[in-house]
Amino acid sequence: MSTTHTSPTIGENPHPEAKPGAKPDPVAASGEQVFVTLSLADQLCGIPVLMVRDVLSAHTITRIPLAPAEIAGSLNLRGRIVTAIDLRRRLSLPPAGNGAKQMAVVTEQGGELYAFLVDQVAEVLSLRAEDFERNPPTLPAVWAHHSRGIYRLADRLMVVLDIARLLAFTQAA
C-alpha cells in the first residue's frame, strides 16, 4: 500500500490540528523573535515587531482634560484619533528634559490605536527564542509588571514590554 503526500490547496488548513482561522506561530516555526527596539532613559526595550503599526517622529499632541497622568493626549494619524501614552510616566521614570524630542511607536489593541511616547526608536532585532529569560528578581516591580521578560545582549539588557499590561489601566478607567 502506498501513500502519497499532497500539499494543501489554497484555503485548506495545512495544520488540521490547529484552530480554524488561527495564524501559524512564526516564532515556533523559525525559533526567532523579532523586536522593534526603543529606549527610555537609556534602558533598551523591545516590542514584538508584529505588534507595531507605525513609528512616528514628533507629532502635535492634544491634551485630554481629566485623563490619567500617563495619557499624554491624542494625536491625529491619517485621520484616525490615536491615544498617546507617555511610557516614562507609565514606568515611573523621570520626565525627559525640556525640548527633548520624543518618538512614538503605534500599536493596535482591541481595534484602537495607541502611540507609546519613547525617547528613541532604534533598530529591528531578530533574537533566538531560546535566549529569552523571565524577569530577574532585581528588575524594579513596575518594570516587572509591564514586562514579558528579558534578553541579555552582548552589551546590555533588553526588556520586552507587554503591550496588554501597559494598556491595562485604560480598561479600569
Foldseek 3Di string as FASTA:
>chain_A
DDDDDDQDDPPDDRDVVDDPPDDDDPCVVPQKFKWFWADAPNAIATEGPVFFDDKFWDFDFDCDPPDPPQFRHWGADPNAIETEGEVCVQLVHDDDDPPQIWMWTWGDDPNGIYTYTGRGTDGMDMGGNVQWDQADPPPDPSLNQQFRGWGQDPPHIYTYGDVCSSCVVVVVD
